PDB file of all heavy atoms in Angstrom:
ATOM      1  N   VAL A   1     132.199-117.040 104.561  1.00  0.00           N
ATOM      2  CA  VAL A   1     132.004-116.245 105.766  1.00  0.00           C
ATOM      3  C   VAL A   1     130.522-115.948 105.954  1.00  0.00           C
ATOM      4  O   VAL A   1     129.735-116.030 105.014  1.00  0.00           O
ATOM      5  CB  VAL A   1     132.810-114.924 105.707  1.00  0.00           C
ATOM      6  CG1 VAL A   1     134.289-115.214 105.648  1.00  0.00           C
ATOM      7  CG2 VAL A   1     132.382-114.068 104.550  1.00  0.00           C
ATOM      8  N   PHE A   2     130.146-115.621 107.185  1.00  0.00           N
ATOM      9  CA  PHE A   2     128.767-115.289 107.499  1.00  0.00           C
ATOM     10  C   PHE A   2     128.745-114.312 108.666  1.00  0.00           C
ATOM     11  O   PHE A   2     129.746-114.133 109.361  1.00  0.00           O
ATOM     12  CB  PHE A   2     127.952-116.541 107.840  1.00  0.00           C
ATOM     13  CG  PHE A   2     128.384-117.184 109.132  1.00  0.00           C
ATOM     14  CD1 PHE A   2     127.730-116.901 110.311  1.00  0.00           C
ATOM     15  CD2 PHE A   2     129.444-118.077 109.160  1.00  0.00           C
ATOM     16  CE1 PHE A   2     128.133-117.494 111.513  1.00  0.00           C
ATOM     17  CE2 PHE A   2     129.852-118.669 110.339  1.00  0.00           C
ATOM     18  CZ  PHE A   2     129.191-118.372 111.521  1.00  0.00           C
ATOM     19  N   ASP A   3     127.611-113.699 108.865  1.00  0.00           N
ATOM     20  CA  ASP A   3     127.407-112.803 109.998  1.00  0.00           C
ATOM     21  C   ASP A   3     126.852-113.644 111.140  1.00  0.00           C
ATOM     22  O   ASP A   3     125.730-114.136 111.054  1.00  0.00           O
ATOM     23  CB  ASP A   3     126.424-111.699 109.617  1.00  0.00           C
ATOM     24  CG  ASP A   3     126.203-110.697 110.717  1.00  0.00           C
ATOM     25  OD1 ASP A   3     126.667-110.914 111.854  1.00  0.00           O
ATOM     26  OD2 ASP A   3     125.559-109.683 110.438  1.00  0.00           O
ATOM     27  N   PRO A   4     127.618-113.852 112.226  1.00  0.00           N
ATOM     28  CA  PRO A   4     127.170-114.750 113.292  1.00  0.00           C
ATOM     29  C   PRO A   4     125.924-114.269 114.029  1.00  0.00           C
ATOM     30  O   PRO A   4     125.286-115.032 114.730  1.00  0.00           O
ATOM     31  CB  PRO A   4     128.366-114.831 114.233  1.00  0.00           C
ATOM     32  CG  PRO A   4     129.169-113.628 113.949  1.00  0.00           C
ATOM     33  CD  PRO A   4     128.924-113.284 112.502  1.00  0.00           C
ATOM     34  N   THR A   5     125.539-113.009 113.862  1.00  0.00           N
ATOM     35  CA  THR A   5     124.329-112.526 114.525  1.00  0.00           C
ATOM     36  C   THR A   5     123.079-112.960 113.780  1.00  0.00           C
ATOM     37  O   THR A   5     121.993-112.924 114.331  1.00  0.00           O
ATOM     38  CB  THR A   5     124.312-110.989 114.639  1.00  0.00           C
ATOM     39  OG1 THR A   5     124.254-110.428 113.329  1.00  0.00           O
ATOM     40  CG2 THR A   5     125.518-110.482 115.384  1.00  0.00           C
ATOM     41  N   GLY A   6     123.226-113.321 112.502  1.00  0.00           N
ATOM     42  CA  GLY A   6     122.078-113.719 111.705  1.00  0.00           C
ATOM     43  C   GLY A   6     121.265-112.548 111.196  1.00  0.00           C
ATOM     44  O   GLY A   6     120.230-112.721 110.563  1.00  0.00           O
ATOM     45  N   ILE A   7     121.708-111.333 111.419  1.00  0.00           N
ATOM     46  CA  ILE A   7     120.980-110.153 110.954  1.00  0.00           C
ATOM     47  C   ILE A   7     121.430-109.841 109.540  1.00  0.00           C
ATOM     48  O   ILE A   7     122.607-109.648 109.273  1.00  0.00           O
ATOM     49  CB  ILE A   7     121.242-108.945 111.878  1.00  0.00           C
ATOM     50  CG1 ILE A   7     120.739-109.254 113.275  1.00  0.00           C
ATOM     51  CG2 ILE A   7     120.592-107.690 111.311  1.00  0.00           C
ATOM     52  CD1 ILE A   7     121.077-108.189 114.285  1.00  0.00           C
ATOM     53  N   GLU A   8     120.481-109.800 108.612  1.00  0.00           N
ATOM     54  CA  GLU A   8     120.819-109.525 107.226  1.00  0.00           C
ATOM     55  C   GLU A   8     120.653-108.058 106.873  1.00  0.00           C
ATOM     56  O   GLU A   8     121.381-107.527 106.052  1.00  0.00           O
ATOM     57  CB  GLU A   8     119.968-110.388 106.306  1.00  0.00           C
ATOM     58  CG  GLU A   8     120.295-111.870 106.477  1.00  0.00           C
ATOM     59  CD  GLU A   8     119.481-112.740 105.578  1.00  0.00           C
ATOM     60  OE1 GLU A   8     118.854-112.225 104.639  1.00  0.00           O
ATOM     61  OE2 GLU A   8     119.464-113.955 105.814  1.00  0.00           O
ATOM     62  N   SER A   9     119.687-107.398 107.451  1.00  0.00           N
ATOM     63  CA  SER A   9     119.512-105.978 107.172  1.00  0.00           C
ATOM     64  C   SER A   9     118.843-105.320 108.372  1.00  0.00           C
ATOM     65  O   SER A   9     118.173-105.968 109.158  1.00  0.00           O
ATOM     66  CB  SER A   9     118.672-105.764 105.919  1.00  0.00           C
ATOM     67  OG  SER A   9     117.362-106.233 106.129  1.00  0.00           O
ATOM     68  N   VAL A  10     119.039-104.033 108.461  1.00  0.00           N
ATOM     69  CA  VAL A  10     118.493-103.276 109.573  1.00  0.00           C
ATOM     70  C   VAL A  10     117.817-102.035 109.013  1.00  0.00           C
ATOM     71  O   VAL A  10     118.388-101.336 108.182  1.00  0.00           O
ATOM     72  CB  VAL A  10     119.608-102.855 110.556  1.00  0.00           C
ATOM     73  CG1 VAL A  10     119.048-101.987 111.667  1.00  0.00           C
ATOM     74  CG2 VAL A  10     120.296-104.078 111.121  1.00  0.00           C
ATOM     75  N   LYS A  11     116.617-101.767 109.451  1.00  0.00           N
ATOM     76  CA  LYS A  11     115.911-100.561 109.038  1.00  0.00           C
ATOM     77  C   LYS A  11     116.042 -99.529 110.145  1.00  0.00           C
ATOM     78  O   LYS A  11     115.738 -99.805 111.299  1.00  0.00           O
ATOM     79  CB  LYS A  11     114.432-100.871 108.801  1.00  0.00           C
ATOM     80  CG  LYS A  11     113.631 -99.667 108.386  1.00  0.00           C
ATOM     81  CD  LYS A  11     112.179-100.036 108.194  1.00  0.00           C
ATOM     82  CE  LYS A  11     111.351 -98.796 107.915  1.00  0.00           C
ATOM     83  NZ  LYS A  11     109.934 -99.095 107.879  1.00  0.00           N
ATOM     84  N   ARG A  12     116.506 -98.371 109.783  1.00  0.00           N
ATOM     85  CA  ARG A  12     116.665 -97.299 110.759  1.00  0.00           C
ATOM     86  C   ARG A  12     115.360 -96.533 110.861  1.00  0.00           C
ATOM     87  O   ARG A  12     114.723 -96.207 109.875  1.00  0.00           O
ATOM     88  CB  ARG A  12     117.790 -96.379 110.332  1.00  0.00           C
ATOM     89  CG  ARG A  12     118.080 -95.319 111.339  1.00  0.00           C
ATOM     90  CD  ARG A  12     119.285 -94.549 110.907  1.00  0.00           C
ATOM     91  NE  ARG A  12     119.166 -93.193 111.381  1.00  0.00           N
ATOM     92  CZ  ARG A  12     120.147 -92.348 111.434  1.00  0.00           C
ATOM     93  NH1 ARG A  12     121.314 -92.705 111.015  1.00  0.00           N
ATOM     94  NH2 ARG A  12     119.963 -91.139 111.871  1.00  0.00           N
ATOM     95  N   ASP A  13     114.963 -96.233 112.079  1.00  0.00           N
ATOM     96  CA  ASP A  13     113.721 -95.531 112.345  1.00  0.00           C
ATOM     97  C   ASP A  13     114.021 -94.383 113.290  1.00  0.00           C
ATOM     98  O   ASP A  13     114.836 -94.516 114.188  1.00  0.00           O
ATOM     99  CB  ASP A  13     112.720 -96.503 112.986  1.00  0.00           C
ATOM    100  CG  ASP A  13     111.322 -95.945 113.081  1.00  0.00           C
ATOM    101  OD1 ASP A  13     111.070 -94.870 112.512  1.00  0.00           O
ATOM    102  OD2 ASP A  13     110.492 -96.588 113.728  1.00  0.00           O
ATOM    103  N   ALA A  14     113.402 -93.269 113.083  1.00  0.00           N
ATOM    104  CA  ALA A  14     113.598 -92.134 113.987  1.00  0.00           C
ATOM    105  C   ALA A  14     112.255 -91.454 114.209  1.00  0.00           C
ATOM    106  O   ALA A  14     111.429 -91.369 113.315  1.00  0.00           O
ATOM    107  CB  ALA A  14     114.593 -91.145 113.411  1.00  0.00           C
ATOM    108  N   ILE A  15     112.042 -91.039 115.430  1.00  0.00           N
ATOM    109  CA  ILE A  15     110.822 -90.334 115.795  1.00  0.00           C
ATOM    110  C   ILE A  15     111.225 -88.957 116.291  1.00  0.00           C
ATOM    111  O   ILE A  15     111.994 -88.840 117.260  1.00  0.00           O
ATOM    112  CB  ILE A  15     110.043 -91.101 116.879  1.00  0.00           C
ATOM    113  CG1 ILE A  15     109.655 -92.477 116.359  1.00  0.00           C
ATOM    114  CG2 ILE A  15     108.832 -90.304 117.327  1.00  0.00           C
ATOM    115  CD1 ILE A  15     109.014 -93.353 117.391  1.00  0.00           C
ATOM    116  N   ASN A  16     110.744 -87.907 115.639  1.00  0.00           N
ATOM    117  CA  ASN A  16     111.057 -86.532 116.040  1.00  0.00           C
ATOM    118  C   ASN A  16     112.556 -86.292 116.166  1.00  0.00           C
ATOM    119  O   ASN A  16     113.020 -85.603 117.058  1.00  0.00           O
ATOM    120  CB  ASN A  16     110.367 -86.184 117.362  1.00  0.00           C
ATOM    121  CG  ASN A  16     108.864 -86.279 117.253  1.00  0.00           C
ATOM    122  OD1 ASN A  16     108.301 -86.009 116.198  1.00  0.00           O
ATOM    123  ND2 ASN A  16     108.219 -86.664 118.326  1.00  0.00           N
ATOM    124  N   GLY A  17     113.348 -86.904 115.288  1.00  0.00           N
ATOM    125  CA  GLY A  17     114.788 -86.697 115.306  1.00  0.00           C
ATOM    126  C   GLY A  17     115.532 -87.515 116.352  1.00  0.00           C
ATOM    127  O   GLY A  17     116.744 -87.456 116.430  1.00  0.00           O
ATOM    128  N   ASN A  18     114.828 -88.268 117.189  1.00  0.00           N
ATOM    129  CA  ASN A  18     115.479 -89.088 118.212  1.00  0.00           C
ATOM    130  C   ASN A  18     115.741 -90.480 117.663  1.00  0.00           C
ATOM    131  O   ASN A  18     114.976 -91.000 116.875  1.00  0.00           O
ATOM    132  CB  ASN A  18     114.604 -89.195 119.463  1.00  0.00           C
ATOM    133  CG  ASN A  18     114.403 -87.847 120.119  1.00  0.00           C
ATOM    134  OD1 ASN A  18     115.305 -87.023 120.132  1.00  0.00           O
ATOM    135  ND2 ASN A  18     113.221 -87.618 120.631  1.00  0.00           N
ATOM    136  N   ASN A  19     116.828 -91.080 118.101  1.00  0.00           N
ATOM    137  CA  ASN A  19     117.121 -92.445 117.674  1.00  0.00           C
ATOM    138  C   ASN A  19     116.176 -93.417 118.355  1.00  0.00           C
ATOM    139  O   ASN A  19     115.722 -93.186 119.466  1.00  0.00           O
ATOM    140  CB  ASN A  19     118.562 -92.815 118.030  1.00  0.00           C
ATOM    141  CG  ASN A  19     119.544 -92.038 117.200  1.00  0.00           C
ATOM    142  OD1 ASN A  19     119.340 -91.843 116.016  1.00  0.00           O
ATOM    143  ND2 ASN A  19     120.602 -91.584 117.822  1.00  0.00           N
ATOM    144  N   VAL A  20     115.904 -94.493 117.667  1.00  0.00           N
ATOM    145  CA  VAL A  20     115.087 -95.568 118.208  1.00  0.00           C
ATOM    146  C   VAL A  20     115.995 -96.772 118.350  1.00  0.00           C
ATOM    147  O   VAL A  20     116.774 -97.085 117.467  1.00  0.00           O
ATOM    148  CB  VAL A  20     113.900 -95.876 117.275  1.00  0.00           C
ATOM    149  CG1 VAL A  20     113.070 -97.017 117.825  1.00  0.00           C
ATOM    150  CG2 VAL A  20     113.048 -94.636 117.084  1.00  0.00           C
ATOM    151  N   TYR A  21     115.896 -97.448 119.477  1.00  0.00           N
ATOM    152  CA  TYR A  21     116.754 -98.583 119.786  1.00  0.00           C
ATOM    153  C   TYR A  21     115.934 -99.868 119.736  1.00  0.00           C
ATOM    154  O   TYR A  21     114.776 -99.888 120.123  1.00  0.00           O
ATOM    155  CB  TYR A  21     117.358 -98.427 121.178  1.00  0.00           C
ATOM    156  CG  TYR A  21     118.024 -97.089 121.390  1.00  0.00           C
ATOM    157  CD1 TYR A  21     117.393 -96.090 122.108  1.00  0.00           C
ATOM    158  CD2 TYR A  21     119.268 -96.836 120.856  1.00  0.00           C
ATOM    159  CE1 TYR A  21     117.994 -94.864 122.298  1.00  0.00           C
ATOM    160  CE2 TYR A  21     119.888 -95.615 121.036  1.00  0.00           C
ATOM    161  CZ  TYR A  21     119.248 -94.629 121.758  1.00  0.00           C
ATOM    162  OH  TYR A  21     119.840 -93.422 121.947  1.00  0.00           O
ATOM    163  N   TYR A  22     116.576-100.950 119.264  1.00  0.00           N
ATOM    164  CA  TYR A  22     115.926-102.253 119.190  1.00  0.00           C
ATOM    165  C   TYR A  22     116.849-103.306 119.762  1.00  0.00           C
ATOM    166  O   TYR A  22     118.074-103.186 119.678  1.00  0.00           O
ATOM    167  CB  TYR A  22     115.604-102.621 117.740  1.00  0.00           C
ATOM    168  CG  TYR A  22     114.581-101.726 117.097  1.00  0.00           C
ATOM    169  CD1 TYR A  22     114.960-100.613 116.366  1.00  0.00           C
ATOM    170  CD2 TYR A  22     113.233-102.002 117.226  1.00  0.00           C
ATOM    171  CE1 TYR A  22     114.022 -99.793 115.774  1.00  0.00           C
ATOM    172  CE2 TYR A  22     112.282-101.189 116.639  1.00  0.00           C
ATOM    173  CZ  TYR A  22     112.683-100.081 115.904  1.00  0.00           C
ATOM    174  OH  TYR A  22     111.751 -99.282 115.330  1.00  0.00           O
ATOM    175  N   ASP A  23     116.248-104.385 120.288  1.00  0.00           N
ATOM    176  CA  ASP A  23     117.050-105.547 120.639  1.00  0.00           C
ATOM    177  C   ASP A  23     117.026-106.490 119.442  1.00  0.00           C
ATOM    178  O   ASP A  23     116.447-106.172 118.405  1.00  0.00           O
ATOM    179  CB  ASP A  23     116.555-106.203 121.934  1.00  0.00           C
ATOM    180  CG  ASP A  23     115.166-106.796 121.842  1.00  0.00           C
ATOM    181  OD1 ASP A  23     114.632-106.976 120.719  1.00  0.00           O
ATOM    182  OD2 ASP A  23     114.593-107.095 122.907  1.00  0.00           O
ATOM    183  N   LEU A  24     117.646-107.644 119.567  1.00  0.00           N
ATOM    184  CA  LEU A  24     117.729-108.569 118.432  1.00  0.00           C
ATOM    185  C   LEU A  24     116.431-109.302 118.141  1.00  0.00           C
ATOM    186  O   LEU A  24     116.331-110.008 117.140  1.00  0.00           O
ATOM    187  CB  LEU A  24     118.861-109.568 118.652  1.00  0.00           C
ATOM    188  CG  LEU A  24     120.246-108.927 118.650  1.00  0.00           C
ATOM    189  CD1 LEU A  24     121.307-109.981 118.858  1.00  0.00           C
ATOM    190  CD2 LEU A  24     120.488-108.153 117.384  1.00  0.00           C
ATOM    191  N   ARG A  25     115.442-109.126 118.981  1.00  0.00           N
ATOM    192  CA  ARG A  25     114.127-109.739 118.741  1.00  0.00           C
ATOM    193  C   ARG A  25     113.158-108.723 118.149  1.00  0.00           C
ATOM    194  O   ARG A  25     111.959-108.940 118.149  1.00  0.00           O
ATOM    195  CB  ARG A  25     113.570-110.302 120.041  1.00  0.00           C
ATOM    196  CG  ARG A  25     114.381-111.467 120.545  1.00  0.00           C
ATOM    197  CD  ARG A  25     113.739-112.085 121.755  1.00  0.00           C
ATOM    198  NE  ARG A  25     114.527-113.226 122.177  1.00  0.00           N
ATOM    199  CZ  ARG A  25     114.678-113.581 123.416  1.00  0.00           C
ATOM    200  NH1 ARG A  25     114.097-112.897 124.385  1.00  0.00           N
ATOM    201  NH2 ARG A  25     115.408-114.631 123.720  1.00  0.00           N
ATOM    202  N   SER A  26     113.703-107.579 117.697  1.00  0.00           N
ATOM    203  CA  SER A  26     112.934-106.496 117.082  1.00  0.00           C
ATOM    204  C   SER A  26     112.036-105.766 118.071  1.00  0.00           C
ATOM    205  O   SER A  26     111.077-105.120 117.677  1.00  0.00           O
ATOM    206  CB  SER A  26     112.091-107.007 115.904  1.00  0.00           C
ATOM    207  OG  SER A  26     112.921-107.556 114.921  1.00  0.00           O
ATOM    208  N   ASN A  27     112.324-105.883 119.351  1.00  0.00           N
ATOM    209  CA  ASN A  27     111.569-105.148 120.360  1.00  0.00           C
ATOM    210  C   ASN A  27     112.153-103.746 120.477  1.00  0.00           C
ATOM    211  O   ASN A  27     113.357-103.585 120.620  1.00  0.00           O
ATOM    212  CB  ASN A  27     111.646-105.841 121.725  1.00  0.00           C
ATOM    213  CG  ASN A  27     111.026-107.219 121.690  1.00  0.00           C
ATOM    214  OD1 ASN A  27     109.966-107.405 121.130  1.00  0.00           O
ATOM    215  ND2 ASN A  27     111.709-108.180 122.279  1.00  0.00           N
ATOM    216  N   ARG A  28     111.295-102.729 120.421  1.00  0.00           N
ATOM    217  CA  ARG A  28     111.740-101.355 120.576  1.00  0.00           C
ATOM    218  C   ARG A  28     112.108-101.113 122.036  1.00  0.00           C
ATOM    219  O   ARG A  28     111.405-101.537 122.940  1.00  0.00           O
ATOM    220  CB  ARG A  28     110.640-100.397 120.137  1.00  0.00           C
ATOM    221  CG  ARG A  28     111.079 -98.951 120.192  1.00  0.00           C
ATOM    222  CD  ARG A  28     110.006 -98.039 119.681  1.00  0.00           C
ATOM    223  NE  ARG A  28     110.279 -97.842 118.272  1.00  0.00           N
ATOM    224  CZ  ARG A  28     109.454 -97.265 117.436  1.00  0.00           C
ATOM    225  NH1 ARG A  28     108.279 -96.859 117.842  1.00  0.00           N
ATOM    226  NH2 ARG A  28     109.775 -97.096 116.180  1.00  0.00           N
ATOM    227  N   LEU A  29     113.235-100.427 122.260  1.00  0.00           N
ATOM    228  CA  LEU A  29     113.720-100.147 123.599  1.00  0.00           C
ATOM    229  C   LEU A  29     113.685 -98.646 123.858  1.00  0.00           C
ATOM    230  O   LEU A  29     113.837 -97.845 122.933  1.00  0.00           O
ATOM    231  CB  LEU A  29     115.165-100.634 123.751  1.00  0.00           C
ATOM    232  CG  LEU A  29     115.439-102.100 123.412  1.00  0.00           C
ATOM    233  CD1 LEU A  29     116.933-102.358 123.396  1.00  0.00           C
ATOM    234  CD2 LEU A  29     114.740-103.011 124.390  1.00  0.00           C
ATOM    235  N   ASP A  30     113.525 -98.248 125.109  1.00  0.00           N
ATOM    236  CA  ASP A  30     113.591 -96.834 125.478  1.00  0.00           C
ATOM    237  C   ASP A  30     115.029 -96.333 125.437  1.00  0.00           C
ATOM    238  O   ASP A  30     115.284 -95.166 125.165  1.00  0.00           O
ATOM    239  CB  ASP A  30     113.015 -96.606 126.875  1.00  0.00           C
ATOM    240  CG  ASP A  30     111.518 -96.857 126.925  1.00  0.00           C
ATOM    241  OD1 ASP A  30     110.845 -96.644 125.895  1.00  0.00           O
ATOM    242  OD2 ASP A  30     111.028 -97.269 127.983  1.00  0.00           O
ATOM    243  N   ALA A  31     115.969 -97.207 125.737  1.00  0.00           N
ATOM    244  CA  ALA A  31     117.393 -96.878 125.740  1.00  0.00           C
ATOM    245  C   ALA A  31     118.152 -98.175 125.473  1.00  0.00           C
ATOM    246  O   ALA A  31     117.606 -99.265 125.655  1.00  0.00           O
ATOM    247  CB  ALA A  31     117.796 -96.301 127.087  1.00  0.00           C
ATOM    248  N   PRO A  32     119.389 -98.088 125.032  1.00  0.00           N
ATOM    249  CA  PRO A  32     120.164 -99.311 124.812  1.00  0.00           C
ATOM    250  C   PRO A  32     120.306-100.107 126.107  1.00  0.00           C
ATOM    251  O   PRO A  32     120.342 -99.539 127.190  1.00  0.00           O
ATOM    252  CB  PRO A  32     121.535 -98.792 124.365  1.00  0.00           C
ATOM    253  CG  PRO A  32     121.320 -97.394 123.957  1.00  0.00           C
ATOM    254  CD  PRO A  32     120.147 -96.892 124.727  1.00  0.00           C
ATOM    255  N   LYS A  33     120.345-101.425 125.980  1.00  0.00           N
ATOM    256  CA  LYS A  33     120.540-102.270 127.149  1.00  0.00           C
ATOM    257  C   LYS A  33     121.813-103.080 126.958  1.00  0.00           C
ATOM    258  O   LYS A  33     122.368-103.137 125.863  1.00  0.00           O
ATOM    259  CB  LYS A  33     119.342-103.185 127.370  1.00  0.00           C
ATOM    260  CG  LYS A  33     119.121-104.205 126.280  1.00  0.00           C
ATOM    261  CD  LYS A  33     117.958-105.105 126.602  1.00  0.00           C
ATOM    262  CE  LYS A  33     117.849-106.198 125.543  1.00  0.00           C
ATOM    263  NZ  LYS A  33     116.822-107.150 125.848  1.00  0.00           N
ATOM    264  N   LYS A  34     122.276-103.711 128.001  1.00  0.00           N
ATOM    265  CA  LYS A  34     123.496-104.515 127.965  1.00  0.00           C
ATOM    266  C   LYS A  34     123.338-105.631 126.939  1.00  0.00           C
ATOM    267  O   LYS A  34     122.308-106.291 126.877  1.00  0.00           O
ATOM    268  CB  LYS A  34     123.774-105.086 129.348  1.00  0.00           C
ATOM    269  CG  LYS A  34     125.080-105.816 129.446  1.00  0.00           C
ATOM    270  CD  LYS A  34     125.345-106.255 130.875  1.00  0.00           C
ATOM    271  CE  LYS A  34     126.673-106.965 130.961  1.00  0.00           C
ATOM    272  NZ  LYS A  34     126.969-107.394 132.319  1.00  0.00           N
ATOM    273  N   GLY A  35     124.338-105.802 126.109  1.00  0.00           N
ATOM    274  CA  GLY A  35     124.309-106.839 125.087  1.00  0.00           C
ATOM    275  C   GLY A  35     124.283-106.231 123.700  1.00  0.00           C
ATOM    276  O   GLY A  35     124.651-105.080 123.499  1.00  0.00           O
ATOM    277  N   LEU A  36     123.813-106.988 122.720  1.00  0.00           N
ATOM    278  CA  LEU A  36     123.783-106.543 121.335  1.00  0.00           C
ATOM    279  C   LEU A  36     122.487-105.799 121.062  1.00  0.00           C
ATOM    280  O   LEU A  36     121.400-106.310 121.316  1.00  0.00           O
ATOM    281  CB  LEU A  36     123.926-107.749 120.418  1.00  0.00           C
ATOM    282  CG  LEU A  36     124.248-107.482 118.968  1.00  0.00           C
ATOM    283  CD1 LEU A  36     125.511-106.643 118.828  1.00  0.00           C
ATOM    284  CD2 LEU A  36     124.437-108.787 118.233  1.00  0.00           C
TER     285      LEU A  36
END
């Protein structure tokens, strides 16, 4: 079996207690967007 997303690990980051969102290309997002 394998993870079809190809993501092996994820580092969680928070700024001032707020969640930080990323797309699959490691781009930081202001808010979640449609998709993964």
